Structure formats: structure tokens, C-alpha cells
């Protein structure tokens, strides 16, 4: 049995990325790892590569949230 996820947007992605980065920030330094899956899995609809609909939206969010995360952990 499969399932299909729909309605993905950069802003939905931002919410999930913020949440996981906050969780990781509380871990020991050597355990602060986040892996983002699928740079360009177009066939599966799972990608962060720029497209015509959202442009660089996903990549901009990754950049912005990493900068924000860096400020949190380096206070």
C-alpha cells in the first residue's frame, strides 16, 4: 500500500526544517546532524532544486534557517 503526499510548499518545508533544527540544537555537538533527502527526485515529487513554481524557494529557506540556527547555537 502506498500513499501520496500533496500540498508541499516552501513555507510548509520551513516549518518542518525549523522544528528539526530546534531539536538538533539541544543535542550534543557531535550529534547535531540533519540530512536533507532528495535534491532532485522529480519523479517522486521530492526535491529542493529550483523549479518554475517556487523558484529558489526551498534553497532560500534552507539558507535562511541554517543562518538562524547558527545564531541560536552560537549565542
PDB file of N, CA and C in Angstrom:
ATOM      1  N   UNK A   1       0.845  -1.175   0.000  1.00  0.00           N
ATOM      2  CA  UNK A   1       0.000   0.000   0.000  1.00  0.00           C
ATOM      3  C   UNK A   1       0.892   1.240   0.000  1.00  0.00           C
ATOM      4  N   UNK A   2       0.580   2.147  -0.872  1.00  0.00           N
ATOM      5  CA  UNK A   2       1.341   3.389  -0.952  1.00  0.00           C
ATOM      6  C   UNK A   2       0.506   4.567  -0.489  1.00  0.00           C
ATOM      7  N   UNK A   3       1.145   5.680  -0.392  1.00  0.00           N
ATOM      8  CA  UNK A   3       0.421   6.904  -0.070  1.00  0.00           C
ATOM      9  C   UNK A   3       1.054   8.053  -0.830  1.00  0.00           C
ATOM     10  N   UNK A   4       0.281   9.078  -1.040  1.00  0.00           N
ATOM     11  CA  UNK A   4       0.730  10.242  -1.792  1.00  0.00           C
ATOM     12  C   UNK A   4       0.615  11.467  -0.893  1.00  0.00           C
ATOM     13  N   UNK A   5       1.690  12.205  -0.798  1.00  0.00           N
ATOM     14  CA  UNK A   5       1.677  13.456  -0.051  1.00  0.00           C
ATOM     15  C   UNK A   5       1.496  14.589  -1.048  1.00  0.00           C
ATOM     16  N   UNK A   6       0.591  15.487  -0.767  1.00  0.00           N
ATOM     17  CA  UNK A   6       0.348  16.611  -1.668  1.00  0.00           C
ATOM     18  C   UNK A   6       0.408  17.919  -0.889  1.00  0.00           C
ATOM     19  N   UNK A   7       0.468  19.014  -1.625  1.00  0.00           N
ATOM     20  CA  UNK A   7       0.401  20.327  -0.994  1.00  0.00           C
ATOM     21  C   UNK A   7       1.707  20.839  -0.426  1.00  0.00           C
ATOM     22  N   UNK A   8       2.810  20.249  -0.814  1.00  0.00           N
ATOM     23  CA  UNK A   8       4.092  20.723  -0.317  1.00  0.00           C
ATOM     24  C   UNK A   8       4.375  22.124  -0.849  1.00  0.00           C
ATOM     25  N   UNK A   9       4.828  22.985   0.040  1.00  0.00           N
ATOM     26  CA  UNK A   9       5.229  24.340  -0.334  1.00  0.00           C
ATOM     27  C   UNK A   9       6.504  24.685   0.418  1.00  0.00           C
ATOM     28  N   UNK A  10       7.224  25.692  -0.030  1.00  0.00           N
ATOM     29  CA  UNK A  10       8.401  26.111   0.727  1.00  0.00           C
ATOM     30  C   UNK A  10       8.057  26.489   2.175  1.00  0.00           C
ATOM     31  N   UNK A  11       6.916  27.118   2.394  1.00  0.00           N
ATOM     32  CA  UNK A  11       6.570  27.510   3.764  1.00  0.00           C
ATOM     33  C   UNK A  11       6.270  26.302   4.654  1.00  0.00           C
ATOM     34  N   UNK A  12       5.642  25.277   4.124  1.00  0.00           N
ATOM     35  CA  UNK A  12       5.459  24.034   4.894  1.00  0.00           C
ATOM     36  C   UNK A  12       6.819  23.428   5.220  1.00  0.00           C
ATOM     37  N   UNK A  13       7.697  23.431   4.239  1.00  0.00           N
ATOM     38  CA  UNK A  13       9.050  22.919   4.426  1.00  0.00           C
ATOM     39  C   UNK A  13       9.765  23.711   5.518  1.00  0.00           C
ATOM     40  N   UNK A  14       9.590  25.042   5.526  1.00  0.00           N
ATOM     41  CA  UNK A  14      10.234  25.882   6.543  1.00  0.00           C
ATOM     42  C   UNK A  14       9.812  25.447   7.948  1.00  0.00           C
ATOM     43  N   UNK A  15       8.544  25.187   8.139  1.00  0.00           N
ATOM     44  CA  UNK A  15       8.043  24.775   9.455  1.00  0.00           C
ATOM     45  C   UNK A  15       8.737  23.497   9.913  1.00  0.00           C
ATOM     46  N   UNK A  16       8.819  22.514   9.039  1.00  0.00           N
ATOM     47  CA  UNK A  16       9.460  21.243   9.398  1.00  0.00           C
ATOM     48  C   UNK A  16      10.956  21.423   9.641  1.00  0.00           C
ATOM     49  N   UNK A  17      11.607  22.217   8.799  1.00  0.00           N
ATOM     50  CA  UNK A  17      13.043  22.442   8.971  1.00  0.00           C
ATOM     51  C   UNK A  17      13.329  23.174  10.275  1.00  0.00           C
ATOM     52  N   UNK A  18      12.549  24.196  10.594  1.00  0.00           N
ATOM     53  CA  UNK A  18      12.724  24.908  11.869  1.00  0.00           C
ATOM     54  C   UNK A  18      12.595  23.945  13.042  1.00  0.00           C
ATOM     55  N   UNK A  19      11.565  23.104  13.006  1.00  0.00           N
ATOM     56  CA  UNK A  19      11.335  22.163  14.106  1.00  0.00           C
ATOM     57  C   UNK A  19      12.498  21.208  14.290  1.00  0.00           C
ATOM     58  N   UNK A  20      12.997  20.652  13.204  1.00  0.00           N
ATOM     59  CA  UNK A  20      14.094  19.693  13.352  1.00  0.00           C
ATOM     60  C   UNK A  20      15.382  20.386  13.776  1.00  0.00           C
ATOM     61  N   UNK A  21      15.625  21.590  13.286  1.00  0.00           N
ATOM     62  CA  UNK A  21      16.832  22.309  13.702  1.00  0.00           C
ATOM     63  C   UNK A  21      16.774  22.666  15.181  1.00  0.00           C
ATOM     64  N   UNK A  22      15.609  23.003  15.683  1.00  0.00           N
ATOM     65  CA  UNK A  22      15.479  23.272  17.116  1.00  0.00           C
ATOM     66  C   UNK A  22      15.729  22.011  17.936  1.00  0.00           C
ATOM     67  N   UNK A  23      15.256  20.870  17.457  1.00  0.00           N
ATOM     68  CA  UNK A  23      15.518  19.607  18.151  1.00  0.00           C
ATOM     69  C   UNK A  23      17.007  19.288  18.148  1.00  0.00           C
ATOM     70  N   UNK A  24      17.648  19.484  17.025  1.00  0.00           N
ATOM     71  CA  UNK A  24      19.074  19.174  16.895  1.00  0.00           C
ATOM     72  C   UNK A  24      19.911  20.111  17.764  1.00  0.00           C
ATOM     73  N   UNK A  25      19.491  21.354  17.902  1.00  0.00           N
ATOM     74  CA  UNK A  25      20.247  22.331  18.688  1.00  0.00           C
ATOM     75  C   UNK A  25      20.415  21.893  20.135  1.00  0.00           C
ATOM     76  N   UNK A  26      19.493  21.103  20.649  1.00  0.00           N
ATOM     77  CA  UNK A  26      19.567  20.669  22.045  1.00  0.00           C
ATOM     78  C   UNK A  26      20.446  19.432  22.236  1.00  0.00           C
ATOM     79  N   UNK A  27      20.943  18.875  21.168  1.00  0.00           N
ATOM     80  CA  UNK A  27      21.773  17.667  21.251  1.00  0.00           C
ATOM     81  C   UNK A  27      23.244  18.032  21.447  1.00  0.00           C
ATOM     82  N   UNK A  28      24.018  17.036  21.866  1.00  0.00           N
ATOM     83  CA  UNK A  28      25.462  17.231  21.983  1.00  0.00           C
ATOM     84  C   UNK A  28      26.027  17.620  20.619  1.00  0.00           C
ATOM     85  N   UNK A  29      27.048  18.451  20.623  1.00  0.00           N
ATOM     86  CA  UNK A  29      27.619  18.983  19.379  1.00  0.00           C
ATOM     87  C   UNK A  29      27.901  17.896  18.343  1.00  0.00           C
ATOM     88  N   UNK A  30      28.470  16.773  18.771  1.00  0.00           N
ATOM     89  CA  UNK A  30      28.832  15.711  17.823  1.00  0.00           C
ATOM     90  C   UNK A  30      27.613  14.961  17.274  1.00  0.00           C
ATOM     91  N   UNK A  31      26.438  15.219  17.827  1.00  0.00           N
ATOM     92  CA  UNK A  31      25.217  14.555  17.352  1.00  0.00           C
ATOM     93  C   UNK A  31      24.286  15.508  16.598  1.00  0.00           C
ATOM     94  N   UNK A  32      24.764  16.682  16.279  1.00  0.00           N
ATOM     95  CA  UNK A  32      23.956  17.676  15.551  1.00  0.00           C
ATOM     96  C   UNK A  32      24.062  17.438  14.053  1.00  0.00           C
ATOM     97  N   UNK A  33      23.267  16.523  13.573  1.00  0.00           N
ATOM     98  CA  UNK A  33      23.287  16.171  12.151  1.00  0.00           C
ATOM     99  C   UNK A  33      21.860  16.211  11.610  1.00  0.00           C
ATOM    100  N   UNK A  34      21.703  16.870  10.491  1.00  0.00           N
ATOM    101  CA  UNK A  34      20.424  16.885   9.779  1.00  0.00           C
ATOM    102  C   UNK A  34      20.719  16.493   8.346  1.00  0.00           C
ATOM    103  N   UNK A  35      19.990  15.531   7.841  1.00  0.00           N
ATOM    104  CA  UNK A  35      20.157  15.117   6.445  1.00  0.00           C
ATOM    105  C   UNK A  35      18.905  15.500   5.671  1.00  0.00           C
ATOM    106  N   UNK A  36      19.106  16.204   4.585  1.00  0.00           N
ATOM    107  CA  UNK A  36      18.000  16.545   3.693  1.00  0.00           C
ATOM    108  C   UNK A  36      18.026  15.581   2.533  1.00  0.00           C
ATOM    109  N   UNK A  37      16.914  14.950   2.301  1.00  0.00           N
ATOM    110  CA  UNK A  37      16.809  13.923   1.265  1.00  0.00           C
ATOM    111  C   UNK A  37      16.367  14.546  -0.052  1.00  0.00           C
ATOM    112  N   UNK A  38      16.916  14.056  -1.113  1.00  0.00           N
ATOM    113  CA  UNK A  38      16.398  14.295  -2.458  1.00  0.00           C
ATOM    114  C   UNK A  38      16.559  15.718  -2.976  1.00  0.00           C
ATOM    115  N   UNK A  39      17.722  15.995  -3.487  1.00  0.00           N
ATOM    116  CA  UNK A  39      17.972  17.252  -4.178  1.00  0.00           C
ATOM    117  C   UNK A  39      17.073  17.362  -5.405  1.00  0.00           C
ATOM    118  N   UNK A  40      16.944  16.267  -6.167  1.00  0.00           N
ATOM    119  CA  UNK A  40      16.191  16.358  -7.426  1.00  0.00           C
ATOM    120  C   UNK A  40      15.437  15.078  -7.787  1.00  0.00           C
ATOM    121  N   UNK A  41      14.655  14.567  -6.878  1.00  0.00           N
ATOM    122  CA  UNK A  41      13.820  13.392  -7.155  1.00  0.00           C
ATOM    123  C   UNK A  41      12.501  13.847  -7.775  1.00  0.00           C
ATOM    124  N   UNK A  42      12.583  14.342  -8.988  1.00  0.00           N
ATOM    125  CA  UNK A  42      11.419  14.910  -9.665  1.00  0.00           C
ATOM    126  C   UNK A  42      10.301  13.881  -9.849  1.00  0.00           C
ATOM    127  N   UNK A  43      10.643  12.673 -10.195  1.00  0.00           N
ATOM    128  CA  UNK A  43       9.621  11.650 -10.455  1.00  0.00           C
ATOM    129  C   UNK A  43       8.796  11.353  -9.206  1.00  0.00           C
ATOM    130  N   UNK A  44       9.418  11.457  -8.042  1.00  0.00           N
ATOM    131  CA  UNK A  44       8.719  11.201  -6.791  1.00  0.00           C
ATOM    132  C   UNK A  44       8.106  12.470  -6.206  1.00  0.00           C
ATOM    133  N   UNK A  45       8.378  13.617  -6.829  1.00  0.00           N
ATOM    134  CA  UNK A  45       7.869  14.878  -6.296  1.00  0.00           C
ATOM    135  C   UNK A  45       8.566  15.303  -5.023  1.00  0.00           C
ATOM    136  N   UNK A  46       9.799  14.874  -4.873  1.00  0.00           N
ATOM    137  CA  UNK A  46      10.555  15.121  -3.655  1.00  0.00           C
ATOM    138  C   UNK A  46      11.874  15.778  -4.038  1.00  0.00           C
ATOM    139  N   UNK A  47      11.891  17.097  -4.018  1.00  0.00           N
ATOM    140  CA  UNK A  47      13.090  17.804  -4.465  1.00  0.00           C
ATOM    141  C   UNK A  47      13.169  19.179  -3.811  1.00  0.00           C
ATOM    142  N   UNK A  48      14.373  19.728  -3.740  1.00  0.00           N
ATOM    143  CA  UNK A  48      14.580  21.104  -3.291  1.00  0.00           C
ATOM    144  C   UNK A  48      15.229  21.942  -4.392  1.00  0.00           C
ATOM    145  N   UNK A  49      15.570  21.312  -5.477  1.00  0.00           N
ATOM    146  CA  UNK A  49      16.172  22.004  -6.618  1.00  0.00           C
ATOM    147  C   UNK A  49      15.209  23.082  -7.130  1.00  0.00           C
ATOM    148  N   UNK A  50      15.728  24.216  -7.601  1.00  0.00           N
ATOM    149  CA  UNK A  50      14.850  25.268  -8.120  1.00  0.00           C
ATOM    150  C   UNK A  50      13.922  24.756  -9.225  1.00  0.00           C
ATOM    151  N   UNK A  51      12.699  25.292  -9.226  1.00  0.00           N
ATOM    152  CA  UNK A  51      11.734  24.934 -10.264  1.00  0.00           C
ATOM    153  C   UNK A  51      10.980  26.183 -10.716  1.00  0.00           C
ATOM    154  N   UNK A  52      10.096  26.009 -11.677  1.00  0.00           N
ATOM    155  CA  UNK A  52       9.353  27.152 -12.206  1.00  0.00           C
ATOM    156  C   UNK A  52       8.271  27.642 -11.250  1.00  0.00           C
ATOM    157  N   UNK A  53       7.773  26.784 -10.401  1.00  0.00           N
ATOM    158  CA  UNK A  53       6.686  27.176  -9.498  1.00  0.00           C
ATOM    159  C   UNK A  53       7.185  27.969  -8.294  1.00  0.00           C
ATOM    160  N   UNK A  54       8.230  27.470  -7.633  1.00  0.00           N
ATOM    161  CA  UNK A  54       8.716  28.095  -6.406  1.00  0.00           C
ATOM    162  C   UNK A  54      10.084  28.749  -6.555  1.00  0.00           C
ATOM    163  N   UNK A  55      10.668  28.680  -7.734  1.00  0.00           N
ATOM    164  CA  UNK A  55      11.991  29.270  -7.929  1.00  0.00           C
ATOM    165  C   UNK A  55      13.007  28.638  -6.995  1.00  0.00           C
ATOM    166  N   UNK A  56      13.750  29.477  -6.296  1.00  0.00           N
ATOM    167  CA  UNK A  56      14.756  29.013  -5.335  1.00  0.00           C
ATOM    168  C   UNK A  56      14.178  28.927  -3.919  1.00  0.00           C
ATOM    169  N   UNK A  57      12.858  28.884  -3.809  1.00  0.00           N
ATOM    170  CA  UNK A  57      12.188  28.936  -2.509  1.00  0.00           C
ATOM    171  C   UNK A  57      12.710  27.956  -1.480  1.00  0.00           C
ATOM    172  N   UNK A  58      12.850  26.698  -1.848  1.00  0.00           N
ATOM    173  CA  UNK A  58      13.328  25.695  -0.890  1.00  0.00           C
ATOM    174  C   UNK A  58      14.779  25.965  -0.493  1.00  0.00           C
ATOM    175  N   UNK A  59      15.604  26.316  -1.455  1.00  0.00           N
ATOM    176  CA  UNK A  59      17.012  26.595  -1.151  1.00  0.00           C
ATOM    177  C   UNK A  59      17.153  27.862  -0.312  1.00  0.00           C
ATOM    178  N   UNK A  60      16.349  28.872  -0.599  1.00  0.00           N
ATOM    179  CA  UNK A  60      16.382  30.096   0.207  1.00  0.00           C
ATOM    180  C   UNK A  60      16.020  29.790   1.654  1.00  0.00           C
ATOM    181  N   UNK A  61      15.044  28.931   1.843  1.00  0.00           N
ATOM    182  CA  UNK A  61      14.633  28.564   3.199  1.00  0.00           C
ATOM    183  C   UNK A  61      15.736  27.791   3.908  1.00  0.00           C
ATOM    184  N   UNK A  62      16.372  26.874   3.217  1.00  0.00           N
ATOM    185  CA  UNK A  62      17.483  26.138   3.837  1.00  0.00           C
ATOM    186  C   UNK A  62      18.554  27.124   4.283  1.00  0.00           C
ATOM    187  N   UNK A  63      18.939  28.050   3.403  1.00  0.00           N
ATOM    188  CA  UNK A  63      19.947  29.058   3.750  1.00  0.00           C
ATOM    189  C   UNK A  63      19.502  29.878   4.960  1.00  0.00           C
ATOM    190  N   UNK A  64      18.292  30.423   4.905  1.00  0.00           N
ATOM    191  CA  UNK A  64      17.803  31.293   5.974  1.00  0.00           C
ATOM    192  C   UNK A  64      17.716  30.572   7.312  1.00  0.00           C
ATOM    193  N   UNK A  65      17.234  29.345   7.297  1.00  0.00           N
ATOM    194  CA  UNK A  65      17.077  28.609   8.553  1.00  0.00           C
ATOM    195  C   UNK A  65      18.419  28.146   9.119  1.00  0.00           C
ATOM    196  N   UNK A  66      19.375  27.837   8.261  1.00  0.00           N
ATOM    197  CA  UNK A  66      20.717  27.486   8.750  1.00  0.00           C
ATOM    198  C   UNK A  66      21.367  28.708   9.391  1.00  0.00           C
ATOM    199  N   UNK A  67      21.200  29.874   8.789  1.00  0.00           N
ATOM    200  CA  UNK A  67      21.731  31.111   9.383  1.00  0.00           C
ATOM    201  C   UNK A  67      21.078  31.351  10.743  1.00  0.00           C
ATOM    202  N   UNK A  68      19.759  31.197  10.818  1.00  0.00           N
ATOM    203  CA  UNK A  68      19.037  31.383  12.081  1.00  0.00           C
ATOM    204  C   UNK A  68      19.494  30.368  13.125  1.00  0.00           C
ATOM    205  N   UNK A  69      19.643  29.123  12.703  1.00  0.00           N
ATOM    206  CA  UNK A  69      20.103  28.053  13.591  1.00  0.00           C
ATOM    207  C   UNK A  69      21.496  28.370  14.128  1.00  0.00           C
ATOM    208  N   UNK A  70      22.376  28.823  13.249  1.00  0.00           N
ATOM    209  CA  UNK A  70      23.744  29.150  13.644  1.00  0.00           C
ATOM    210  C   UNK A  70      23.748  30.233  14.724  1.00  0.00           C
ATOM    211  N   UNK A  71      22.871  31.207  14.600  1.00  0.00           N
ATOM    212  CA  UNK A  71      22.775  32.265  15.615  1.00  0.00           C
ATOM    213  C   UNK A  71      22.279  31.706  16.947  1.00  0.00           C
ATOM    214  N   UNK A  72      21.373  30.746  16.893  1.00  0.00           N
ATOM    215  CA  UNK A  72      20.839  30.146  18.120  1.00  0.00           C
ATOM    216  C   UNK A  72      21.924  29.379  18.864  1.00  0.00           C
ATOM    217  N   UNK A  73      22.676  28.557  18.148  1.00  0.00           N
ATOM    218  CA  UNK A  73      23.651  27.702  18.840  1.00  0.00           C
ATOM    219  C   UNK A  73      24.949  28.428  19.168  1.00  0.00           C
ATOM    220  N   UNK A  74      25.171  29.587  18.593  1.00  0.00           N
ATOM    221  CA  UNK A  74      26.414  30.325  18.841  1.00  0.00           C
ATOM    222  C   UNK A  74      26.179  31.617  19.607  1.00  0.00           C
ATOM    223  N   UNK A  75      25.170  31.636  20.472  1.00  0.00           N
ATOM    224  CA  UNK A  75      24.891  32.825  21.300  1.00  0.00           C
ATOM    225  C   UNK A  75      26.012  33.048  22.271  1.00  0.00           C
TER     226      UNK A  75
END
